[in-house]
Structures are given as C-alpha cells and as structure tokens.
C-alpha cells in the first residue's frame, strides 16, 4: 500500500534552504523566518515523510541519505509551484525587471530588445547594484534583473544584502541563474589636451601614465577594479556615484584623468571631451539577465527576445587576443545559463 503525503511547499522550501545553507540560522534569514519557525516546518515535514532529513549535532547540520535523495525532487516541486503561481498571475501584471549599472546605460540595451519585441509587457525598476537586485529577487518584488553579474564582495554584502545570498567565492546561492546577453566594447574618454587624445585608438596598456577616474570606490566596481589591475593603470575614485556629468568633471578639468565608458554612449554636448576606441585588446563589458528559480512564461519570452536581438546585432562576438574580458566572464559566453554560482 502506497502512503500518500500532501507535500507542503512551505515546509519543502524550508528544507531546501536549510539543505543549501547547512545552517538553520542562515536558512531562516534567507526566508525571512525565525529559526524556531524554520525548525518547526522541517520537523513537520520529517514527521509527514516518516524519515529524518538532517543529522543535527550542536550547531552543525548535515543531510541524511534520505535528505540527499529528497533534495532535487524538492527543488523540482518548488519550481513547479513557482510556475503554477506565475501562470495564475500572468494576466494580472507585467513582467517586473530591475536594472543596475546605470552609468553604463543599461536602458540602451533594453530599449533595443523591446523595439524588437514590442508586445512584451514590462515594468522597469532600478536597483542600486547587484546585491540590491539579488535581495529584490529573493523577496519576490521583481521577476528578473539586468546588469553585470559578478562575484559579490563581503563589503558590498554588509551594506544591503544578507551573506546567505552568496556562496563560496562570492557566487550566488544555487537558486539563482544568469545568462550573458551582451558584450559591449568600451572607449576611453579623454581631455583634448591628453597626450593620447590625438590618435584614432588607444591600447589599454598606454593608459599606465594616466589616472583612471572611477565613479565610486573600486571595492564596489568589479569590472573597473579588474581592468585597472590587469593593465597596471593607477585608479582613483569619487566618494559616491553621482552620475555621468559629475564623473566627467574630473577629466574635463584635469587632463591626467581618464574614464572608461561604453562605445555607443553619447557624451554631453558641452563635455569638451573625446571618446577614443580601446583596442589591442578591446575591453568588453558583460551584461546578463539574472533570475531566481524557474522564470515565468513572460520571463522566458524576455530571454528569447534577448537571444534573438543578440544574434541579429552580434552582441556576443568575442575573439581571444583581440578582446578582453575578466576571467570570471568567460564561463558566461555562448549564451550558457550559469547556475549554482560561478
């Protein structure tokens, strides 16, 4: 006789969080529960299943054999539940997408995709940075994020995102996935009196005699930190990111300073600065879609629209030697979906 168990998704979610964190306190914070409430949900699930899912020893938690067998089916059940909820809500609201990396103009890329797919209903919001978008995805206040995905430093986490959202090496928890959708070439922005301003192109190594001016401290700017380190360029930073025009004020008043911005970005008419292509190699800024769990139908439509626009506009072209990407971005090439951190 087969015993039927009505699986409680709240209990299953508590189990999956605890299994991924192997720490009840972190799992409880991830789900915005008290540790006592999380423990009760798991205990009720174990009673319903008739098996122990965890070995508990003091503060240490390990999965039992039954827990390991149950983990992937439980994840699948949660994904199915998320799809069911999303299907019921599809007609009630547009897709909610947050962007970050505002200085590099993420809306230019989104606008190109929406021009190609005008029937997509989307509600756009703004996250301060990747950790803020991760927090919004965890809370369910957005469906997808769009920006540069990178390892999250502990410094960034302490400000606005709980540490349990990140895994080893700054990667995200296994419930997150992301897909690279655009590689955007960058220009160097120079004062007309800068020694390199007269040429038609500049090599990154040629900037070693200049100062890279950054919009915020480098521990918050993964790409610029890696770019400056790779090519041996001295860097200084403003205390806070106040936008494009305040950023350009430094190279406008002091020719020693330069900025790095997307090649397609239009500089203010009165900036008095030059944008010169970077070559040998050309640095590329990697834009990605980020989501948690299984994307809803509208989210999958957006992913397809990005893939079609990227193919038509050749957004993912990359040639080793000719172009440069930070090492962590190589795994995201060819449109591959990356899960379980990076």
Protein backbone atom coordinates (compact mmCIF):
# COMPACT_ATOMS: atom_id res chain seq x y z
CA UNK A 1 0.00 0.00 0.00
CA UNK A 2 1.38 3.38 -1.05
CA UNK A 3 1.12 6.08 1.62
CA UNK A 4 0.24 9.46 0.08
CA UNK A 5 1.80 12.58 1.59
CA UNK A 6 0.38 16.01 0.78
CA UNK A 7 3.64 17.92 0.36
CA UNK A 8 3.56 21.35 1.99
CA UNK A 9 5.59 23.70 -0.22
CA UNK A 10 6.38 26.00 2.70
CA UNK A 11 7.93 23.05 4.52
CA UNK A 12 9.76 21.96 1.35
CA UNK A 13 11.11 25.49 0.88
CA UNK A 14 12.40 25.48 4.45
CA UNK A 15 14.10 22.13 3.85
CA UNK A 16 15.76 23.25 0.58
CA UNK A 17 17.06 26.46 2.16
CA UNK A 18 18.49 24.53 5.12
CA UNK A 19 19.99 21.90 2.81
CA UNK A 20 21.70 24.57 0.69
CA UNK A 21 22.97 26.57 3.64
CA UNK A 22 23.63 23.66 6.05
CA UNK A 23 22.85 26.19 8.75
CA UNK A 24 19.36 26.75 10.18
CA UNK A 25 20.05 30.36 11.18
CA UNK A 26 21.17 31.42 7.70
CA UNK A 27 18.33 29.49 6.08
CA UNK A 28 15.80 31.20 8.36
CA UNK A 29 17.15 34.67 7.49
CA UNK A 30 17.06 33.81 3.79
CA UNK A 31 13.33 33.00 4.08
CA UNK A 32 12.59 35.87 6.47
CA UNK A 33 11.59 33.42 9.22
CA UNK A 34 12.65 32.94 12.79
CA UNK A 35 14.92 29.97 13.34
CA UNK A 36 12.24 28.41 15.54
CA UNK A 37 9.63 28.70 12.75
CA UNK A 38 12.01 27.14 10.23
CA UNK A 39 12.86 24.26 12.58
CA UNK A 40 9.16 23.56 13.14
CA UNK A 41 8.47 23.42 9.41
CA UNK A 42 11.28 20.93 8.87
CA UNK A 43 10.19 18.83 11.86
CA UNK A 44 6.63 18.65 10.48
CA UNK A 45 7.97 17.65 7.07
CA UNK A 46 10.08 14.88 8.63
CA UNK A 47 7.03 13.65 10.56
CA UNK A 48 4.93 13.59 7.38
CA UNK A 49 7.62 11.73 5.43
CA UNK A 50 8.47 9.40 8.31
CA UNK A 51 12.24 9.93 7.87
CA UNK A 52 14.94 12.18 9.28
CA UNK A 53 16.27 14.63 6.68
CA UNK A 54 19.12 16.11 8.73
CA UNK A 55 21.75 14.98 11.20
CA UNK A 56 21.89 17.65 13.92
CA UNK A 57 24.94 17.93 16.15
CA UNK A 58 25.20 21.14 18.11
CA UNK A 59 25.40 23.92 15.53
CA UNK A 60 26.41 21.54 12.72
CA UNK A 61 23.80 20.30 10.25
CA UNK A 62 24.26 17.56 7.63
CA UNK A 63 21.86 15.85 5.25
CA UNK A 64 20.94 12.24 5.87
CA UNK A 65 20.81 9.79 2.98
CA UNK A 66 17.06 10.39 2.81
CA UNK A 67 17.69 14.16 2.79
CA UNK A 68 20.10 13.88 -0.12
CA UNK A 69 17.60 11.78 -2.08
CA UNK A 70 14.81 14.24 -1.32
CA UNK A 71 16.73 17.45 -2.21
CA UNK A 72 16.48 17.52 -6.01
CA UNK A 73 12.82 16.37 -6.16
CA UNK A 74 12.01 19.04 -3.56
CA UNK A 75 13.69 21.68 -5.71
CA UNK A 76 11.69 20.46 -8.71
CA UNK A 77 8.47 20.68 -6.69
CA UNK A 78 9.26 24.26 -5.73
CA UNK A 79 9.99 25.19 -9.34
CA UNK A 80 6.67 23.64 -10.38
CA UNK A 81 4.90 25.58 -7.65
CA UNK A 82 6.55 28.83 -8.80
CA UNK A 83 5.44 28.12 -12.38
CA UNK A 84 1.88 27.49 -11.23
CA UNK A 85 1.79 30.79 -9.33
CA UNK A 86 3.32 32.66 -12.26
CA UNK A 87 0.80 31.13 -14.68
CA UNK A 88 -2.10 32.25 -12.50
CA UNK A 89 -0.70 35.79 -12.28
CA UNK A 90 0.32 36.22 -15.91
CA UNK A 91 -2.74 38.25 -16.84
CA UNK A 92 -2.61 40.35 -13.68
CA UNK A 93 0.64 42.27 -14.08
CA UNK A 94 3.57 42.95 -16.44
CA UNK A 95 7.00 41.38 -16.04
CA UNK A 96 8.96 43.22 -13.34
CA UNK A 97 12.61 43.84 -14.28
CA UNK A 98 15.19 45.81 -12.32
CA UNK A 99 18.38 47.18 -13.90
CA UNK A 100 21.69 48.26 -12.39
CA UNK A 101 24.95 49.68 -13.73
CA UNK A 102 23.21 52.96 -14.61
CA UNK A 103 26.36 54.83 -15.54
CA UNK A 104 26.88 52.38 -18.43
CA UNK A 105 23.34 52.89 -19.78
CA UNK A 106 21.52 49.53 -19.38
CA UNK A 107 18.35 51.09 -20.78
CA UNK A 108 20.01 51.42 -24.21
CA UNK A 109 20.25 47.64 -24.45
CA UNK A 110 16.76 47.05 -23.06
CA UNK A 111 15.32 49.58 -25.47
CA UNK A 112 16.84 47.70 -28.42
CA UNK A 113 15.28 44.42 -27.21
CA UNK A 114 11.86 45.97 -26.61
CA UNK A 115 11.95 47.63 -30.03
CA UNK A 116 12.39 44.13 -31.49
CA UNK A 117 9.67 42.62 -29.25
CA UNK A 118 7.05 45.37 -28.76
CA UNK A 119 4.38 43.01 -27.35
CA UNK A 120 6.39 42.30 -24.19
CA UNK A 121 4.70 43.96 -21.22
CA UNK A 122 7.36 45.09 -18.77
CA UNK A 123 7.57 47.22 -15.65
CA UNK A 124 11.09 48.59 -15.18
CA UNK A 125 12.70 49.47 -11.88
CA UNK A 126 16.14 50.47 -10.65
CA UNK A 127 18.38 48.58 -8.25
CA UNK A 128 21.38 50.31 -6.74
CA UNK A 129 23.68 47.42 -7.65
CA UNK A 130 23.85 43.62 -7.97
CA UNK A 131 23.41 42.86 -4.24
CA UNK A 132 20.27 45.04 -4.16
CA UNK A 133 18.86 43.20 -7.19
CA UNK A 134 19.63 39.85 -5.54
CA UNK A 135 17.73 40.97 -2.46
CA UNK A 136 14.75 42.08 -4.59
CA UNK A 137 14.69 38.71 -6.38
CA UNK A 138 14.82 36.88 -3.05
CA UNK A 139 11.91 38.90 -1.69
CA UNK A 140 9.94 38.32 -4.89
CA UNK A 141 9.48 42.03 -5.63
CA UNK A 142 10.98 41.59 -9.14
CA UNK A 143 11.00 38.75 -11.68
CA UNK A 144 14.38 39.30 -13.36
CA UNK A 145 17.37 41.58 -13.16
CA UNK A 146 19.55 43.04 -15.90
CA UNK A 147 23.12 44.23 -15.35
CA UNK A 148 26.63 42.87 -14.86
CA UNK A 149 26.78 39.69 -12.76
CA UNK A 150 29.99 39.25 -10.78
CA UNK A 151 31.36 37.92 -7.53
CA UNK A 152 29.91 39.87 -4.58
CA UNK A 153 32.41 41.21 -2.09
CA UNK A 154 31.77 40.96 1.63
CA UNK A 155 31.98 44.76 1.79
CA UNK A 156 29.01 45.10 -0.56
CA UNK A 157 27.04 42.43 1.29
CA UNK A 158 27.33 44.07 4.69
CA UNK A 159 25.61 47.19 3.38
CA UNK A 160 22.41 45.74 1.98
CA UNK A 161 22.36 42.02 1.24
CA UNK A 162 22.49 39.17 3.78
CA UNK A 163 25.59 36.98 3.48
CA UNK A 164 23.50 33.87 2.96
CA UNK A 165 22.57 35.02 -0.55
CA UNK A 166 26.16 34.39 -1.63
CA UNK A 167 28.00 31.12 -1.81
CA UNK A 168 31.68 30.25 -1.85
CA UNK A 169 33.91 32.78 -3.57
CA UNK A 170 31.15 35.40 -3.78
CA UNK A 171 28.95 33.33 -6.10
CA UNK A 172 25.20 33.36 -5.57
CA UNK A 173 23.12 30.67 -3.91
CA UNK A 174 22.07 27.67 -6.07
CA UNK A 175 18.56 29.05 -6.53
CA UNK A 176 19.90 31.83 -8.82
CA UNK A 177 20.78 31.54 -12.51
CA UNK A 178 22.04 34.02 -15.07
CA UNK A 179 22.63 34.24 -18.82
CA UNK A 180 25.10 36.53 -20.58
CA UNK A 181 23.25 38.53 -23.27
CA UNK A 182 25.63 41.28 -24.45
CA UNK A 183 29.34 42.09 -24.65
CA UNK A 184 29.75 45.84 -25.12
CA UNK A 185 33.06 47.39 -26.26
CA UNK A 186 34.40 50.32 -24.28
CA UNK A 187 36.03 53.65 -25.17
CA UNK A 188 38.41 55.74 -23.13
CA UNK A 189 37.20 59.32 -22.53
CA UNK A 190 40.00 61.91 -22.66
CA UNK A 191 40.56 65.65 -22.38
CA UNK A 192 41.66 67.09 -25.77
CA UNK A 193 44.96 68.04 -24.14
CA UNK A 194 45.69 64.46 -23.04
CA UNK A 195 48.78 63.04 -24.88
CA UNK A 196 46.66 60.15 -26.29
CA UNK A 197 43.73 62.26 -27.47
CA UNK A 198 45.12 62.91 -30.95
CA UNK A 199 45.10 59.31 -32.16
CA UNK A 200 42.28 57.24 -33.57
CA UNK A 201 42.62 54.48 -30.97
CA UNK A 202 44.33 53.70 -27.65
CA UNK A 203 45.71 50.47 -26.18
CA UNK A 204 44.77 49.83 -22.52
CA UNK A 205 48.49 49.45 -21.68
CA UNK A 206 49.07 53.00 -22.97
CA UNK A 207 46.94 54.32 -20.09
CA UNK A 208 49.58 53.45 -17.49
CA UNK A 209 50.71 57.07 -17.41
CA UNK A 210 47.16 58.27 -16.77
CA UNK A 211 44.78 58.02 -13.80
CA UNK A 212 41.55 56.06 -14.27
CA UNK A 213 38.80 58.09 -12.62
CA UNK A 214 36.04 55.87 -11.22
CA UNK A 215 32.52 56.81 -10.10
CA UNK A 216 32.72 55.01 -6.71
CA UNK A 217 35.27 53.11 -4.56
CA UNK A 218 36.82 50.23 -6.50
CA UNK A 219 35.70 47.57 -4.00
CA UNK A 220 32.17 48.28 -5.34
CA UNK A 221 33.18 48.30 -9.03
CA UNK A 222 34.19 44.79 -10.03
CA UNK A 223 34.86 45.49 -13.70
CA UNK A 224 36.92 48.66 -13.28
CA UNK A 225 38.91 47.07 -10.45
CA UNK A 226 39.82 44.11 -12.66
CA UNK A 227 40.51 46.32 -15.70
CA UNK A 228 42.88 48.62 -13.77
CA UNK A 229 44.64 45.65 -12.18
CA UNK A 230 45.05 43.73 -15.43
CA UNK A 231 46.65 46.64 -17.33
CA UNK A 232 48.53 48.25 -14.44
CA UNK A 233 46.59 51.52 -14.52
CA UNK A 234 46.52 53.79 -11.47
CA UNK A 235 42.94 54.42 -10.32
CA UNK A 236 41.22 56.93 -8.09
CA UNK A 237 37.55 57.16 -7.20
CA UNK A 238 34.84 59.59 -6.25
CA UNK A 239 33.25 59.11 -2.83
CA UNK A 240 29.83 58.36 -4.35
CA UNK A 241 28.35 57.65 -7.79
CA UNK A 242 26.51 60.85 -8.69
CA UNK A 243 26.02 60.09 -12.37
CA UNK A 244 27.68 60.76 -15.71
CA UNK A 245 28.19 64.52 -15.67
CA UNK A 246 29.84 64.63 -12.21
CA UNK A 247 32.08 61.74 -13.33
CA UNK A 248 33.21 63.64 -16.42
CA UNK A 249 34.03 66.75 -14.42
CA UNK A 250 37.41 65.35 -13.31
CA UNK A 251 38.87 64.61 -16.80
CA UNK A 252 37.31 67.85 -18.05
CA UNK A 253 39.30 69.88 -15.51
CA UNK A 254 42.47 67.75 -15.27
CA UNK A 255 43.91 66.11 -18.44
CA UNK A 256 45.74 63.46 -16.38
CA UNK A 257 42.44 61.73 -15.63
CA UNK A 258 40.50 59.43 -17.98
CA UNK A 259 37.22 57.49 -17.81
CA UNK A 260 36.10 54.26 -19.46
CA UNK A 261 32.56 54.17 -20.91
CA UNK A 262 30.58 52.14 -23.48
CA UNK A 263 31.47 52.96 -27.08
CA UNK A 264 27.85 53.72 -28.01
CA UNK A 265 27.30 56.17 -25.17
CA UNK A 266 26.70 59.75 -26.31
CA UNK A 267 28.69 62.26 -24.25
CA UNK A 268 27.05 65.56 -23.23
CA UNK A 269 27.46 68.14 -26.00
CA UNK A 270 29.25 70.57 -23.69
CA UNK A 271 31.59 67.97 -22.14
CA UNK A 272 34.60 69.07 -24.19
CA UNK A 273 35.96 65.51 -24.11
CA UNK A 274 36.86 62.84 -26.68
CA UNK A 275 35.82 59.20 -26.75
CA UNK A 276 38.58 57.07 -28.32
CA UNK A 277 38.19 53.31 -29.03
CA UNK A 278 40.24 50.95 -26.86
CA UNK A 279 41.99 48.22 -28.89
CA UNK A 280 44.69 45.54 -28.58
CA UNK A 281 42.76 44.26 -26.68
CA UNK A 282 39.28 45.80 -26.64
CA UNK A 283 37.75 45.55 -23.16
CA UNK A 284 34.18 44.24 -23.19
CA UNK A 285 31.53 44.94 -20.57
CA UNK A 286 29.35 41.86 -19.97
CA UNK A 287 25.59 42.35 -19.48
CA UNK A 288 23.48 39.47 -18.13
CA UNK A 289 19.93 38.55 -17.24
CA UNK A 290 19.57 37.23 -13.68
CA UNK A 291 16.68 35.32 -12.14
CA UNK A 292 15.81 33.08 -9.21
CA UNK A 293 14.14 29.70 -9.51
CA UNK A 294 12.22 28.95 -12.68
CA UNK A 295 11.35 32.03 -14.78
CA UNK A 296 7.68 32.63 -15.54
CA UNK A 297 6.32 32.49 -19.10
CA UNK A 298 6.88 36.22 -19.63
CA UNK A 299 10.41 35.85 -18.27
CA UNK A 300 11.12 33.09 -20.79
CA UNK A 301 9.73 35.35 -23.54
CA UNK A 302 12.17 38.07 -22.49
CA UNK A 303 15.06 35.58 -22.55
CA UNK A 304 14.13 34.55 -26.09
CA UNK A 305 13.83 38.19 -27.19
CA UNK A 306 17.31 38.91 -25.80
CA UNK A 307 18.74 35.87 -27.59
CA UNK A 308 17.20 36.88 -30.93
CA UNK A 309 18.34 40.50 -30.67
CA UNK A 310 21.83 39.44 -29.55
CA UNK A 311 22.16 37.13 -32.55
CA UNK A 312 20.93 39.75 -35.02
CA UNK A 313 23.13 42.55 -33.60
CA UNK A 314 26.12 40.25 -32.95
CA UNK A 315 26.23 41.24 -29.28
CA UNK A 316 28.09 38.13 -28.15
CA UNK A 317 31.04 38.20 -30.52
CA UNK A 318 34.33 37.61 -28.73
CA UNK A 319 37.82 36.82 -30.01
CA UNK A 320 40.56 35.89 -27.52
CA UNK A 321 43.55 38.18 -28.03
CA UNK A 322 41.51 40.79 -29.87
CA UNK A 323 39.14 41.34 -26.93
CA UNK A 324 39.50 41.29 -23.15
CA UNK A 325 37.08 40.05 -20.50
CA UNK A 326 37.65 39.48 -16.79
CA UNK A 327 38.36 35.80 -16.19
CA UNK A 328 35.04 35.21 -14.43
CA UNK A 329 33.09 36.32 -17.52
CA UNK A 330 34.50 33.62 -19.81
CA UNK A 331 32.18 30.96 -18.35
CA UNK A 332 29.17 33.00 -19.42
CA UNK A 333 29.97 33.07 -23.12
CA UNK A 334 27.87 31.42 -25.86
CA UNK A 335 24.59 32.18 -24.11
CA UNK A 336 25.10 29.48 -21.49
CA UNK A 337 22.99 29.57 -18.37
CA UNK A 338 25.11 29.53 -15.23
CA UNK A 339 23.63 28.09 -12.04
CA UNK A 340 24.95 27.30 -8.57
CA UNK A 341 27.41 30.20 -8.52
CA UNK A 342 30.27 30.85 -10.91
